[in-house]
Amino acid sequence: MDYVSALVPPVVMAVFFIGVIRVIVKTQGGANKAKEDAAVDAALARGEGARPASRGTDA
């Protein structure tokens, strides 16, 4: 029975890992993709707007 108790934790972790991967794959794209892309684009635009203007002189 020691082999059963030794195999249970890896099997449980493998099942959990497969479930997490399936959730990640299923939530990619779909109806929320446009909303997520718009949020990323807005964050990038805010980041670009926050940078100070670069000067024309390089050292």
Protein backbone atom coordinates (compact mmCIF):
# COMPACT_ATOMS: atom_id res chain seq x y z
CA MET A 1 0.00 0.00 0.00
CA ASP A 2 2.98 2.32 0.21
CA TYR A 3 3.09 2.57 -3.56
CA VAL A 4 -0.50 3.85 -3.61
CA SER A 5 0.24 6.60 -1.11
CA ALA A 6 3.38 7.47 -3.08
CA LEU A 7 1.47 7.78 -6.39
CA VAL A 8 -1.57 9.74 -5.17
CA PRO A 9 0.04 13.21 -4.81
CA PRO A 10 1.62 13.25 -8.31
CA VAL A 11 -1.61 12.02 -9.88
CA VAL A 12 -3.65 14.68 -8.06
CA MET A 13 -1.20 17.39 -9.12
CA ALA A 14 -1.26 16.18 -12.72
CA VAL A 15 -5.07 16.27 -12.82
CA PHE A 16 -5.10 19.74 -11.31
CA PHE A 17 -2.44 20.95 -13.77
CA ILE A 18 -4.39 19.58 -16.75
CA GLY A 19 -7.51 21.34 -15.47
CA VAL A 20 -5.68 24.66 -15.15
CA ILE A 21 -4.28 24.35 -18.67
CA ARG A 22 -7.74 23.55 -20.06
CA VAL A 23 -9.22 26.64 -18.36
CA ILE A 24 -6.43 28.84 -19.72
CA VAL A 25 -6.89 27.51 -23.26
CA LYS A 26 -10.68 27.85 -23.14
CA THR A 27 -10.56 31.46 -21.95
CA GLN A 28 -8.23 32.59 -24.74
CA GLY A 29 -10.06 34.49 -27.44
CA GLY A 30 -13.81 34.31 -27.62
CA ALA A 31 -16.17 37.12 -26.70
CA ASN A 32 -13.75 38.79 -24.29
CA LYS A 33 -10.82 38.95 -26.71
CA ALA A 34 -11.76 42.36 -28.14
CA LYS A 35 -12.32 43.78 -24.66
CA GLU A 36 -8.99 42.42 -23.40
CA ASP A 37 -7.16 43.71 -26.47
CA ALA A 38 -8.72 47.16 -26.02
CA ALA A 39 -7.62 47.24 -22.37
CA VAL A 40 -4.05 46.32 -23.31
CA ASP A 41 -3.99 48.93 -26.09
CA ALA A 42 -5.27 51.60 -23.68
CA ALA A 43 -2.63 50.68 -21.10
CA LEU A 44 0.11 50.83 -23.73
CA ALA A 45 -1.15 54.21 -24.94
CA ARG A 46 -1.11 55.56 -21.38
CA GLY A 47 2.42 54.23 -20.97
CA GLU A 48 3.58 55.87 -24.18
CA GLY A 49 1.92 59.15 -23.20
CA ALA A 50 3.64 59.18 -19.81
CA ARG A 51 7.15 59.07 -21.29
CA PRO A 52 8.97 62.38 -21.48
CA ALA A 53 9.61 63.73 -24.93
CA SER A 54 13.01 62.72 -26.27
CA ARG A 55 15.43 65.42 -27.29
CA GLY A 56 17.01 65.59 -30.72
CA THR A 57 20.55 65.69 -29.38
CA ASP A 58 22.31 62.40 -28.76
CA ALA A 59 25.58 62.25 -26.86
